[in-house]
């Protein structure tokens, strides 16, 4: 995704993903200064381990379905705010894409 002041449409299937630290997880970074924005793909059947974020994170489910906080399913169109508390483990029921927006430097901590 180019760094431009003009509006830009981004299709999920046009993004370039890099393998993450967890099996079945891939990430595509987006230019969105001063925040950090990324699309994270979770393959169906992935177990997301118990974790927390080092800062506030806004997560939007773009496509798919997985178990979320307190056992509630997260489905397309839902968003949640998290940070600082422990979450998981979660099971990803179907291929799922999240849009994550957070302060630059926020870490995923297992």
Protein backbone atom coordinates (compact mmCIF):
# COMPACT_ATOMS: atom_id res chain seq x y z
CA UNK A 1 0.00 0.00 0.00
CA UNK A 2 1.59 3.27 -1.08
CA UNK A 3 2.03 6.24 1.22
CA UNK A 4 -0.28 8.82 -0.36
CA UNK A 5 -2.57 11.67 0.67
CA UNK A 6 -5.22 10.43 -1.75
CA UNK A 7 -8.03 8.02 -0.96
CA UNK A 8 -7.13 4.41 -1.67
CA UNK A 9 -9.24 1.27 -1.86
CA UNK A 10 -7.54 -1.84 -0.45
CA UNK A 11 -8.80 -5.33 -1.34
CA UNK A 12 -7.90 -8.18 1.05
CA UNK A 13 -6.76 -10.42 -1.79
CA UNK A 14 -4.35 -7.70 -3.04
CA UNK A 15 -2.43 -7.43 0.25
CA UNK A 16 0.99 -9.02 0.74
CA UNK A 17 1.11 -11.07 3.94
CA UNK A 18 4.13 -12.18 5.94
CA UNK A 19 4.16 -15.24 8.18
CA UNK A 20 3.75 -14.46 11.87
CA UNK A 21 5.25 -16.05 14.97
CA UNK A 22 2.20 -18.27 15.48
CA UNK A 23 1.41 -21.13 13.08
CA UNK A 24 -1.54 -20.17 10.86
CA UNK A 25 -1.15 -16.39 11.35
CA UNK A 26 0.02 -13.89 8.70
CA UNK A 27 0.22 -10.08 8.82
CA UNK A 28 0.08 -7.26 6.26
CA UNK A 29 1.19 -3.82 7.48
CA UNK A 30 -0.64 -0.72 6.26
CA UNK A 31 0.65 2.88 6.10
CA UNK A 32 -1.42 4.81 8.63
CA UNK A 33 0.78 7.30 10.51
CA UNK A 34 0.91 8.12 13.35
CA UNK A 35 -0.75 4.80 14.28
CA UNK A 36 0.19 1.26 13.38
CA UNK A 37 -2.43 -0.48 11.25
CA UNK A 38 -2.34 -4.03 9.95
CA UNK A 39 -4.55 -6.76 8.59
CA UNK A 40 -3.99 -10.06 10.37
CA UNK A 41 -5.10 -13.34 8.77
CA UNK A 42 -5.87 -16.37 10.97
CA UNK A 43 -6.24 -19.74 9.23
CA UNK A 44 -9.24 -21.85 10.30
CA UNK A 45 -8.27 -24.14 13.19
CA UNK A 46 -5.57 -21.83 14.54
CA UNK A 47 -5.33 -21.66 18.32
CA UNK A 48 -4.47 -18.12 19.44
CA UNK A 49 -2.59 -18.49 22.74
CA UNK A 50 -3.39 -16.58 25.91
CA UNK A 51 -1.87 -13.13 25.47
CA UNK A 52 -2.14 -9.40 26.07
CA UNK A 53 -1.27 -6.22 24.22
CA UNK A 54 1.17 -3.70 25.66
CA UNK A 55 -1.13 -0.80 24.70
CA UNK A 56 -4.68 -0.02 23.59
CA UNK A 57 -5.74 -1.85 20.43
CA UNK A 58 -8.86 -1.48 18.30
CA UNK A 59 -9.70 -4.66 16.39
CA UNK A 60 -12.33 -4.98 13.64
CA UNK A 61 -13.38 -8.38 12.27
CA UNK A 62 -13.36 -7.88 8.50
CA UNK A 63 -14.25 -11.45 7.51
CA UNK A 64 -14.61 -14.79 9.29
CA UNK A 65 -15.43 -16.03 12.79
CA UNK A 66 -13.52 -16.97 15.92
CA UNK A 67 -13.94 -17.30 19.64
CA UNK A 68 -13.35 -14.00 21.41
CA UNK A 69 -13.24 -12.42 24.85
CA UNK A 70 -15.23 -14.28 27.50
CA UNK A 71 -16.13 -17.03 25.01
CA UNK A 72 -18.27 -14.75 22.85
CA UNK A 73 -17.94 -15.36 19.10
CA UNK A 74 -16.41 -12.57 17.04
CA UNK A 75 -17.95 -12.33 13.57
CA UNK A 76 -17.68 -10.03 10.54
CA UNK A 77 -18.53 -6.43 11.34
CA UNK A 78 -17.78 -6.61 15.08
CA UNK A 79 -15.12 -4.51 16.74
CA UNK A 80 -13.56 -4.58 20.16
CA UNK A 81 -11.08 -2.54 22.13
CA UNK A 82 -8.44 -4.29 24.19
CA UNK A 83 -5.11 -3.73 25.85
CA UNK A 84 -3.36 -4.62 29.09
CA UNK A 85 -5.60 -7.53 30.16
CA UNK A 86 -4.98 -11.22 29.39
CA UNK A 87 -7.06 -12.76 26.58
CA UNK A 88 -7.43 -16.25 25.14
CA UNK A 89 -6.74 -18.89 24.27
CA UNK A 90 -9.09 -18.58 21.29
CA UNK A 91 -10.03 -20.96 18.51
CA UNK A 92 -10.43 -19.66 14.95
CA UNK A 93 -13.50 -21.39 13.43
CA UNK A 94 -13.03 -20.24 9.83
CA UNK A 95 -10.44 -18.24 7.88
CA UNK A 96 -10.59 -14.82 9.56
CA UNK A 97 -9.23 -11.34 8.80
CA UNK A 98 -8.85 -8.66 11.49
CA UNK A 99 -8.02 -4.99 10.98
CA UNK A 100 -5.92 -3.90 13.96
CA UNK A 101 -5.21 -0.25 14.76
CA UNK A 102 -2.94 0.60 17.67
CA UNK A 103 -0.28 2.99 18.88
CA UNK A 104 3.02 2.45 17.09
CA UNK A 105 5.21 0.01 19.04
CA UNK A 106 2.35 -1.87 20.73
CA UNK A 107 3.41 -5.47 21.32
CA UNK A 108 1.61 -8.84 21.39
CA UNK A 109 2.84 -10.49 24.61
CA UNK A 110 2.40 -14.20 25.36
